[in-house]
C-alpha atoms as a PDB file:
ATOM      1  CA  MET A   1      24.677-132.798 -11.341  1.00  0.00           C
ATOM      2  CA  SER A   2      21.087-132.138  -9.930  1.00  0.00           C
ATOM      3  CA  LYS A   3      20.099-134.184  -7.218  1.00  0.00           C
ATOM      4  CA  LYS A   4      16.894-134.996  -9.058  1.00  0.00           C
ATOM      5  CA  ALA A   5      17.797-137.867 -11.652  1.00  0.00           C
ATOM      6  CA  TYR A   6      14.289-137.676 -13.044  1.00  0.00           C
ATOM      7  CA  GLN A   7      10.759-136.485 -12.714  1.00  0.00           C
ATOM      8  CA  LEU A   8       7.564-138.158 -13.824  1.00  0.00           C
ATOM      9  CA  ILE A   9       4.665-135.853 -14.601  1.00  0.00           C
ATOM     10  CA  LEU A  10       1.044-136.857 -13.832  1.00  0.00           C
ATOM     11  CA  VAL A  11      -1.559-135.012 -15.678  1.00  0.00           C
ATOM     12  CA  LEU A  12      -4.836-134.632 -13.613  1.00  0.00           C
ATOM     13  CA  GLY A  13      -8.149-132.933 -14.476  1.00  0.00           C
ATOM     14  CA  MET A  14      -8.047-130.420 -17.275  1.00  0.00           C
ATOM     15  CA  GLY A  15      -4.350-129.475 -17.829  1.00  0.00           C
ATOM     16  CA  LEU A  16      -3.112-129.719 -14.171  1.00  0.00           C
ATOM     17  CA  MET A  17       0.285-131.206 -14.144  1.00  0.00           C
ATOM     18  CA  ILE A  18       2.150-131.919 -11.005  1.00  0.00           C
ATOM     19  CA  PRO A  19       5.340-133.692 -10.073  1.00  0.00           C
ATOM     20  CA  LEU A  20       4.547-137.527  -9.309  1.00  0.00           C
ATOM     21  CA  VAL A  21       7.795-139.194  -8.726  1.00  0.00           C
ATOM     22  CA  GLY A  22      11.118-137.446  -8.305  1.00  0.00           C
ATOM     23  CA  CYS A  23      14.340-139.190  -7.379  1.00  0.00           C
ATOM     24  CA  ASN A  24      17.800-138.375  -6.056  1.00  0.00           C
ATOM     25  CA  SER A  25      21.132-139.811  -7.103  1.00  0.00           C
ATOM     26  CA  ASP A  26      20.527-142.586  -4.311  1.00  0.00           C
ATOM     27  CA  ASN A  27      17.063-143.694  -5.822  1.00  0.00           C
ATOM     28  CA  GLN A  28      15.131-141.900  -2.971  1.00  0.00           C
ATOM     29  CA  LEU A  29      12.041-140.195  -3.298  1.00  0.00           C
ATOM     30  CA  THR A  30      12.341-136.393  -2.844  1.00  0.00           C
ATOM     31  CA  LYS A  31      10.160-134.506   0.038  1.00  0.00           C
ATOM     32  CA  GLU A  32       8.148-132.961  -2.822  1.00  0.00           C
ATOM     33  CA  SER A  33       7.332-136.259  -4.459  1.00  0.00           C
ATOM     34  CA  GLN A  34       6.504-137.811  -1.168  1.00  0.00           C
ATOM     35  CA  VAL A  35       3.762-135.240  -0.558  1.00  0.00           C
ATOM     36  CA  THR A  36       2.443-135.341  -4.068  1.00  0.00           C
ATOM     37  CA  ASN A  37       2.535-139.252  -3.963  1.00  0.00           C
ATOM     38  CA  ASN A  38       0.471-138.995  -0.633  1.00  0.00           C
ATOM     39  CA  GLN A  39      -2.094-136.898  -2.321  1.00  0.00           C
ATOM     40  CA  VAL A  40      -2.385-139.279  -5.119  1.00  0.00           C
ATOM     41  CA  ALA A  41      -2.663-142.267  -2.784  1.00  0.00           C
ATOM     42  CA  ASN A  42      -5.298-140.697  -0.676  1.00  0.00           C
ATOM     43  CA  ASN A  43      -7.388-139.730  -3.627  1.00  0.00           C
ATOM     44  CA  ASN A  44      -7.319-143.238  -4.714  1.00  0.00           C
ATOM     45  CA  GLY A  45      -8.315-144.213  -1.200  1.00  0.00           C
ATOM     46  CA  ASN A  46      -6.140-147.732  -1.360  1.00  0.00           C
ATOM     47  CA  ASN A  47      -2.660-147.062  -1.163  1.00  0.00           C
ATOM     48  CA  LYS A  48      -2.176-144.428   1.741  1.00  0.00           C
ATOM     49  CA  LYS A  49       1.045-145.814   2.554  1.00  0.00           C
ATOM     50  CA  ILE A  50       2.662-145.616  -0.973  1.00  0.00           C
ATOM     51  CA  THR A  51       5.160-143.188  -0.086  1.00  0.00           C
ATOM     52  CA  GLU A  52       6.741-145.419   2.829  1.00  0.00           C
ATOM     53  CA  GLN A  53       6.551-148.280   0.420  1.00  0.00           C
ATOM     54  CA  VAL A  54       8.041-146.908  -2.682  1.00  0.00           C
ATOM     55  CA  ASN A  55      10.890-145.077  -0.611  1.00  0.00           C
ATOM     56  CA  LYS A  56      12.782-148.158  -0.969  1.00  0.00           C
ATOM     57  CA  PRO A  57      14.997-148.926  -4.129  1.00  0.00           C
ATOM     58  CA  THR A  58      12.815-149.794  -6.981  1.00  0.00           C
ATOM     59  CA  VAL A  59      13.824-152.037  -9.749  1.00  0.00           C
ATOM     60  CA  GLU A  60      11.436-151.128 -12.355  1.00  0.00           C
ATOM     61  CA  ILE A  61       7.978-149.424 -12.896  1.00  0.00           C
ATOM     62  CA  VAL A  62       5.172-150.879 -15.253  1.00  0.00           C
ATOM     63  CA  SER A  63       2.095-149.609 -16.031  1.00  0.00           C
ATOM     64  CA  THR A  64      -1.313-150.327 -17.020  1.00  0.00           C
ATOM     65  CA  ASP A  65      -3.570-147.453 -18.891  1.00  0.00           C
ATOM     66  CA  GLN A  66      -4.074-145.916 -15.528  1.00  0.00           C
ATOM     67  CA  ALA A  67      -2.223-147.553 -12.887  1.00  0.00           C
ATOM     68  CA  PHE A  68       1.320-148.137 -11.931  1.00  0.00           C
ATOM     69  CA  ALA A  69       3.241-151.198 -10.248  1.00  0.00           C
ATOM     70  CA  ALA A  70       6.797-150.725  -8.760  1.00  0.00           C
ATOM     71  CA  LEU A  71       8.871-153.759  -8.222  1.00  0.00           C
ATOM     72  CA  LYS A  72      11.196-153.094  -5.103  1.00  0.00           C
ATOM     73  CA  GLU A  73      14.628-154.647  -4.741  1.00  0.00           C
ATOM     74  CA  ASP A  74      13.292-157.069  -2.076  1.00  0.00           C
ATOM     75  CA  GLY A  75      10.993-158.662  -4.463  1.00  0.00           C
ATOM     76  CA  SER A  76       7.763-156.887  -3.125  1.00  0.00           C
ATOM     77  CA  VAL A  77       5.198-154.821  -5.183  1.00  0.00           C
ATOM     78  CA  VAL A  78       3.831-151.306  -4.607  1.00  0.00           C
ATOM     79  CA  THR A  79       0.913-150.116  -6.797  1.00  0.00           C
ATOM     80  CA  TRP A  80      -1.142-147.067  -7.172  1.00  0.00           C
ATOM     81  CA  GLY A  81      -3.757-145.515  -9.455  1.00  0.00           C
ATOM     82  CA  TYR A  82      -7.439-146.771 -10.447  1.00  0.00           C
ATOM     83  CA  ASP A  83      -8.426-149.713  -8.686  1.00  0.00           C
ATOM     84  CA  ARG A  84      -9.902-151.161 -11.757  1.00  0.00           C
ATOM     85  CA  TYR A  85      -6.605-150.948 -13.805  1.00  0.00           C
ATOM     86  CA  GLY A  86      -4.492-152.609 -11.060  1.00  0.00           C
ATOM     87  CA  GLY A  87      -4.064-149.691  -8.691  1.00  0.00           C
ATOM     88  CA  ASP A  88      -5.482-151.810  -5.811  1.00  0.00           C
ATOM     89  CA  ARG A  89      -3.484-155.041  -5.181  1.00  0.00           C
ATOM     90  CA  SER A  90      -5.113-155.713  -1.652  1.00  0.00           C
ATOM     91  CA  GLU A  91      -6.747-159.002  -2.789  1.00  0.00           C
ATOM     92  CA  VAL A  92      -3.099-160.479  -3.604  1.00  0.00           C
ATOM     93  CA  ALA A  93      -0.965-158.170  -1.460  1.00  0.00           C
ATOM     94  CA  GLU A  94       0.509-160.984   0.670  1.00  0.00           C
ATOM     95  CA  LYS A  95       1.834-162.924  -2.657  1.00  0.00           C
ATOM     96  CA  LEU A  96       3.426-159.734  -3.690  1.00  0.00           C
ATOM     97  CA  SER A  97       5.211-159.029  -0.384  1.00  0.00           C
ATOM     98  CA  SER A  98       8.081-160.877  -1.463  1.00  0.00           C
ATOM     99  CA  GLY A  99       9.631-163.135  -4.554  1.00  0.00           C
ATOM    100  CA  VAL A 100       8.545-161.248  -7.499  1.00  0.00           C
ATOM    101  CA  THR A 101      11.256-160.908 -10.346  1.00  0.00           C
ATOM    102  CA  GLU A 102       9.517-159.262 -12.970  1.00  0.00           C
ATOM    103  CA  ILE A 103       6.008-157.539 -13.738  1.00  0.00           C
ATOM    104  CA  PHE A 104       4.039-157.512 -17.119  1.00  0.00           C
ATOM    105  CA  ALA A 105       0.955-155.487 -17.903  1.00  0.00           C
ATOM    106  CA  ASN A 106      -1.698-155.264 -20.419  1.00  0.00           C
ATOM    107  CA  SER A 107      -4.062-152.151 -20.775  1.00  0.00           C
ATOM    108  CA  PHE A 108      -6.137-152.967 -17.547  1.00  0.00           C
ATOM    109  CA  ALA A 109      -4.153-155.754 -15.615  1.00  0.00           C
ATOM    110  CA  PHE A 110      -0.850-156.790 -14.177  1.00  0.00           C
ATOM    111  CA  ALA A 111       0.637-160.055 -14.042  1.00  0.00           C
ATOM    112  CA  ALA A 112       3.838-160.766 -11.600  1.00  0.00           C
ATOM    113  CA  LEU A 113       6.204-163.736 -12.338  1.00  0.00           C
ATOM    114  CA  LYS A 114       7.705-164.961  -9.041  1.00  0.00           C
ATOM    115  CA  GLU A 115      10.834-166.685  -8.158  1.00  0.00           C
ATOM    116  CA  ASP A 116       9.415-170.176  -7.917  1.00  0.00           C
ATOM    117  CA  GLY A 117       7.841-169.812 -11.580  1.00  0.00           C
ATOM    118  CA  SER A 118       4.332-169.007 -10.404  1.00  0.00           C
ATOM    119  CA  VAL A 119       2.160-165.955 -11.538  1.00  0.00           C
ATOM    120  CA  VAL A 120       0.096-163.726  -9.426  1.00  0.00           C
ATOM    121  CA  THR A 121      -2.735-161.426 -11.246  1.00  0.00           C
ATOM    122  CA  TRP A 122      -4.517-158.619 -10.322  1.00  0.00           C
ATOM    123  CA  GLY A 123      -6.440-155.620 -12.154  1.00  0.00           C
ATOM    124  CA  ASP A 124      -9.642-155.988 -14.240  1.00  0.00           C
ATOM    125  CA  PRO A 125     -10.848-159.355 -13.770  1.00  0.00           C
ATOM    126  CA  ASN A 126     -12.148-159.578 -17.449  1.00  0.00           C
ATOM    127  CA  GLN A 127      -9.109-158.328 -18.894  1.00  0.00           C
ATOM    128  CA  GLY A 128      -6.370-161.077 -17.205  1.00  0.00           C
ATOM    129  CA  GLY A 129      -6.626-159.546 -13.618  1.00  0.00           C
ATOM    130  CA  ASP A 130      -8.594-162.877 -12.833  1.00  0.00           C
ATOM    131  CA  SER A 131      -6.622-165.992 -13.582  1.00  0.00           C
ATOM    132  CA  SER A 132      -8.200-168.318 -11.399  1.00  0.00           C
ATOM    133  CA  GLU A 133      -9.341-170.424 -14.479  1.00  0.00           C
ATOM    134  CA  VAL A 134      -5.688-171.236 -15.267  1.00  0.00           C
ATOM    135  CA  ALA A 135      -4.468-170.926 -11.524  1.00  0.00           C
ATOM    136  CA  GLU A 136      -3.225-174.649 -11.692  1.00  0.00           C
ATOM    137  CA  GLN A 137      -1.225-174.080 -15.061  1.00  0.00           C
ATOM    138  CA  LEU A 138       0.399-170.737 -13.462  1.00  0.00           C
ATOM    139  CA  SER A 139       1.419-172.174 -10.005  1.00  0.00           C
ATOM    140  CA  GLY A 140       5.013-172.982 -11.276  1.00  0.00           C
ATOM    141  CA  GLY A 141       7.235-173.389 -14.161  1.00  0.00           C
ATOM    142  CA  VAL A 142       6.620-170.121 -16.022  1.00  0.00           C
ATOM    143  CA  SER A 143       9.532-168.567 -17.606  1.00  0.00           C
ATOM    144  CA  GLU A 144       8.152-165.371 -19.390  1.00  0.00           C
ATOM    145  CA  ILE A 145       4.887-163.559 -19.975  1.00  0.00           C
ATOM    146  CA  PHE A 146       3.704-161.616 -22.735  1.00  0.00           C
ATOM    147  CA  SER A 147       0.513-159.266 -23.251  1.00  0.00           C
ATOM    148  CA  ASN A 148      -1.575-157.692 -25.667  1.00  0.00           C
ATOM    149  CA  MET A 149      -4.077-154.990 -25.063  1.00  0.00           C
ATOM    150  CA  ASN A 150      -6.564-157.223 -23.034  1.00  0.00           C
ATOM    151  CA  ALA A 151      -5.004-160.716 -22.584  1.00  0.00           C
ATOM    152  CA  PHE A 152      -1.872-162.505 -21.424  1.00  0.00           C
ATOM    153  CA  ALA A 153       0.103-165.625 -22.616  1.00  0.00           C
ATOM    154  CA  ALA A 154       2.449-167.220 -20.573  1.00  0.00           C
ATOM    155  CA  LEU A 155       5.297-169.462 -21.827  1.00  0.00           C
ATOM    156  CA  LYS A 156       6.287-172.301 -19.725  1.00  0.00           C
ATOM    157  CA  GLU A 157       9.822-173.962 -19.176  1.00  0.00           C
ATOM    158  CA  ASP A 158       8.381-176.954 -20.778  1.00  0.00           C
ATOM    159  CA  GLY A 159       7.377-175.077 -24.060  1.00  0.00           C
ATOM    160  CA  SER A 160       3.976-174.987 -23.241  1.00  0.00           C
ATOM    161  CA  VAL A 161       1.516-171.756 -23.305  1.00  0.00           C
ATOM    162  CA  VAL A 162      -1.184-170.645 -20.999  1.00  0.00           C
ATOM    163  CA  THR A 163      -3.487-168.010 -21.847  1.00  0.00           C
ATOM    164  CA  TRP A 164      -6.045-165.934 -19.914  1.00  0.00           C
ATOM    165  CA  GLY A 165      -7.794-162.513 -20.309  1.00  0.00           C
ATOM    166  CA  ILE A 166     -10.501-161.539 -23.344  1.00  0.00           C
ATOM    167  CA  ALA A 167     -11.309-164.984 -24.881  1.00  0.00           C
ATOM    168  CA  ARG A 168     -11.531-163.061 -28.579  1.00  0.00           C
ATOM    169  CA  ASP A 169      -8.335-161.217 -28.287  1.00  0.00           C
ATOM    170  CA  GLY A 170      -6.132-164.302 -27.246  1.00  0.00           C
ATOM    171  CA  GLY A 171      -7.136-164.993 -23.596  1.00  0.00           C
ATOM    172  CA  ASP A 172      -8.675-168.200 -25.077  1.00  0.00           C
ATOM    173  CA  SER A 173      -6.265-170.564 -27.062  1.00  0.00           C
ATOM    174  CA  SER A 174      -8.249-173.588 -27.170  1.00  0.00           C
ATOM    175  CA  GLU A 175      -8.533-173.824 -30.888  1.00  0.00           C
ATOM    176  CA  VAL A 176      -4.582-174.292 -31.003  1.00  0.00           C
ATOM    177  CA  ALA A 177      -4.249-175.970 -27.594  1.00  0.00           C
ATOM    178  CA  GLU A 178      -2.449-178.730 -29.125  1.00  0.00           C
ATOM    179  CA  GLN A 179      -0.007-176.911 -31.088  1.00  0.00           C
ATOM    180  CA  LEU A 180       0.848-174.807 -28.045  1.00  0.00           C
ATOM    181  CA  SER A 181       1.189-177.964 -25.727  1.00  0.00           C
ATOM    182  CA  SER A 182       5.048-178.009 -26.508  1.00  0.00           C
ATOM    183  CA  GLY A 183       7.901-176.581 -28.540  1.00  0.00           C
ATOM    184  CA  VAL A 184       7.239-172.965 -28.408  1.00  0.00           C
ATOM    185  CA  LYS A 185      10.266-170.865 -28.220  1.00  0.00           C
ATOM    186  CA  THR A 186       8.734-167.226 -28.021  1.00  0.00           C
ATOM    187  CA  ILE A 187       5.632-165.357 -28.371  1.00  0.00           C
ATOM    188  CA  THR A 188       4.836-162.054 -30.381  1.00  0.00           C
ATOM    189  CA  PRO A 189       1.703-160.090 -29.652  1.00  0.00           C
ATOM    190  CA  ASN A 190      -0.008-157.266 -31.369  1.00  0.00           C
ATOM    191  CA  ARG A 191      -3.055-155.247 -30.092  1.00  0.00           C
ATOM    192  CA  GLN A 192      -5.350-158.125 -30.096  1.00  0.00           C
ATOM    193  CA  ALA A 193      -3.705-161.366 -31.277  1.00  0.00           C
ATOM    194  CA  PHE A 194      -0.563-163.654 -30.432  1.00  0.00           C
ATOM    195  CA  ALA A 195       1.871-165.530 -32.758  1.00  0.00           C
ATOM    196  CA  ALA A 196       3.911-168.181 -31.321  1.00  0.00           C
ATOM    197  CA  LEU A 197       7.273-169.250 -32.924  1.00  0.00           C
ATOM    198  CA  LYS A 198       8.147-172.965 -32.247  1.00  0.00           C
ATOM    199  CA  GLU A 199      11.372-174.598 -32.282  1.00  0.00           C
ATOM    200  CA  ASP A 200      10.655-176.245 -35.445  1.00  0.00           C
ATOM    201  CA  GLY A 201      10.493-172.914 -37.288  1.00  0.00           C
ATOM    202  CA  SER A 202       6.488-173.059 -37.435  1.00  0.00           C
ATOM    203  CA  VAL A 203       4.158-170.384 -36.258  1.00  0.00           C
ATOM    204  CA  VAL A 204       0.965-170.741 -34.460  1.00  0.00           C
ATOM    205  CA  THR A 205      -1.576-168.022 -34.325  1.00  0.00           C
ATOM    206  CA  TRP A 206      -4.638-166.994 -32.104  1.00  0.00           C
ATOM    207  CA  GLY A 207      -6.733-163.996 -31.190  1.00  0.00           C
ATOM    208  CA  VAL A 208      -8.733-161.815 -33.257  1.00  0.00           C
ATOM    209  CA  ALA A 209      -8.770-163.108 -36.662  1.00  0.00           C
ATOM    210  CA  ASP A 210      -8.717-159.776 -38.765  1.00  0.00           C
ATOM    211  CA  PHE A 211      -5.647-158.612 -36.785  1.00  0.00           C
ATOM    212  CA  GLY A 212      -3.311-161.853 -37.475  1.00  0.00           C
ATOM    213  CA  GLY A 213      -5.097-164.294 -35.100  1.00  0.00           C
ATOM    214  CA  ASP A 214      -5.950-166.224 -38.419  1.00  0.00           C
ATOM    215  CA  SER A 215      -2.929-167.111 -40.368  1.00  0.00           C
ATOM    216  CA  SER A 216      -4.815-169.828 -42.407  1.00  0.00           C
ATOM    217  CA  GLU A 217      -4.205-168.194 -45.657  1.00  0.00           C
ATOM    218  CA  VAL A 218      -0.359-168.233 -45.281  1.00  0.00           C
ATOM    219  CA  ALA A 219      -0.499-171.392 -43.091  1.00  0.00           C
ATOM    220  CA  GLU A 220       1.765-173.414 -45.836  1.00  0.00           C
ATOM    221  CA  GLN A 221       4.417-170.722 -45.924  1.00  0.00           C
ATOM    222  CA  LEU A 222       4.376-170.497 -41.860  1.00  0.00           C
ATOM    223  CA  SER A 223       4.956-174.093 -41.318  1.00  0.00           C
ATOM    224  CA  SER A 224       8.652-173.946 -41.322  1.00  0.00           C
ATOM    225  CA  GLY A 225      11.674-171.857 -41.749  1.00  0.00           C
ATOM    226  CA  VAL A 226      10.530-168.998 -39.711  1.00  0.00           C
ATOM    227  CA  THR A 227      13.418-167.390 -37.547  1.00  0.00           C
ATOM    228  CA  HIS A 228      11.795-164.241 -36.177  1.00  0.00           C
ATOM    229  CA  ILE A 229       8.121-162.782 -36.091  1.00  0.00           C
ATOM    230  CA  PHE A 230       7.516-158.931 -36.026  1.00  0.00           C
ATOM    231  CA  SER A 231       4.239-157.110 -35.310  1.00  0.00           C
ATOM    232  CA  ASN A 232       2.450-153.744 -35.644  1.00  0.00           C
ATOM    233  CA  GLU A 233      -0.882-152.956 -33.960  1.00  0.00           C
ATOM    234  CA  PHE A 234      -2.632-155.170 -36.378  1.00  0.00           C
ATOM    235  CA  ALA A 235      -0.592-157.255 -38.222  1.00  0.00           C
ATOM    236  CA  PHE A 236       2.297-159.783 -38.119  1.00  0.00           C
ATOM    237  CA  ALA A 237       5.425-160.268 -40.449  1.00  0.00           C
ATOM    238  CA  ALA A 238       7.498-163.446 -40.258  1.00  0.00           C
ATOM    239  CA  LEU A 239      10.898-163.498 -41.470  1.00  0.00           C
ATOM    240  CA  LYS A 240      12.377-166.749 -42.834  1.00  0.00           C
ATOM    241  CA  GLU A 241      15.612-168.480 -43.089  1.00  0.00           C
ATOM    242  CA  ASP A 242      15.762-167.929 -46.886  1.00  0.00           C
ATOM    243  CA  GLY A 243      15.200-164.281 -46.546  1.00  0.00           C
ATOM    244  CA  THR A 244      11.456-164.038 -47.567  1.00  0.00           C
ATOM    245  CA  VAL A 245       8.757-162.291 -45.510  1.00  0.00           C
ATOM    246  CA  ILE A 246       5.320-163.599 -44.746  1.00  0.00           C
ATOM    247  CA  SER A 247       2.784-161.071 -43.506  1.00  0.00           C
ATOM    248  CA  TRP A 248      -0.746-161.512 -42.402  1.00  0.00           C
ATOM    249  CA  GLY A 249      -3.275-159.541 -40.468  1.00  0.00           C
ATOM    250  CA  ASP A 250      -4.997-156.180 -41.305  1.00  0.00           C
ATOM    251  CA  PHE A 251      -4.199-155.544 -44.947  1.00  0.00           C
ATOM    252  CA  LEU A 252      -3.980-151.853 -44.532  1.00  0.00           C
ATOM    253  CA  GLU A 253      -1.612-152.487 -41.743  1.00  0.00           C
ATOM    254  CA  GLY A 254       0.899-154.788 -43.405  1.00  0.00           C
ATOM    255  CA  GLU A 255      -0.538-157.651 -44.827  1.00  0.00           C
ATOM    256  CA  ASN A 256       0.971-157.645 -48.271  1.00  0.00           C
ATOM    257  CA  GLN A 257       4.489-159.016 -49.051  1.00  0.00           C
ATOM    258  CA  ILE A 258       4.289-159.346 -52.654  1.00  0.00           C
ATOM    259  CA  GLU A 259       6.610-156.344 -53.691  1.00  0.00           C
ATOM    260  CA  LEU A 260       8.990-157.404 -50.964  1.00  0.00           C
ATOM    261  CA  ASN A 261       9.693-160.708 -52.019  1.00  0.00           C
ATOM    262  CA  GLN A 262      10.026-160.052 -55.728  1.00  0.00           C
END
């Protein structure tokens, strides 16, 4: 068996391909990858010590469109890539030095969930990297985080939901705030909207109306009996206890359940 378990490829410029990360069977970076990582870090100018930091056991790697975040076994986080997309974590480095259990990402920003239930965000401030407006709600009690392209939704232990990011894409859930204040079981995102399944089998939606953020036309069908919610980029489909399916969102992307339920 080769010592290299895998190798990620980074495409730079006009068709130039170089190895970015290579690991041996002990999950350690190879010398070749250390050199390459240093080159990438130096080009970015923010993560010059990335090789030394990533050269510890890694639990997972999460990415935005143009940056990476690695969660280490010791609960710390290492980032690299374009600053705007979360490659630069310097403003929250201390908070990311320990206690992180999971990292979530949208296209432009990251959100780290810590052991104490608090959330740390960084990346494009408009797309969710800045969560200062909901900082108090994210200071504890968060159990899971969901994301679409430009926004985040945090599900708390008490069944409430906290959102931030681009308002129209679901970062602003004020219109359904009362419905999201308790009883939420899970959240399903698509490209620019969210759908929350509640414990009573009802569904709450918000985000871009045409992509499923507005479910008013099927509100009665979604008021009870839903067991699962599925999504593509622009629409949602809800499976009900009686085996019927209700869909809504962009018509061309799935908003038509007539034939299915006949």
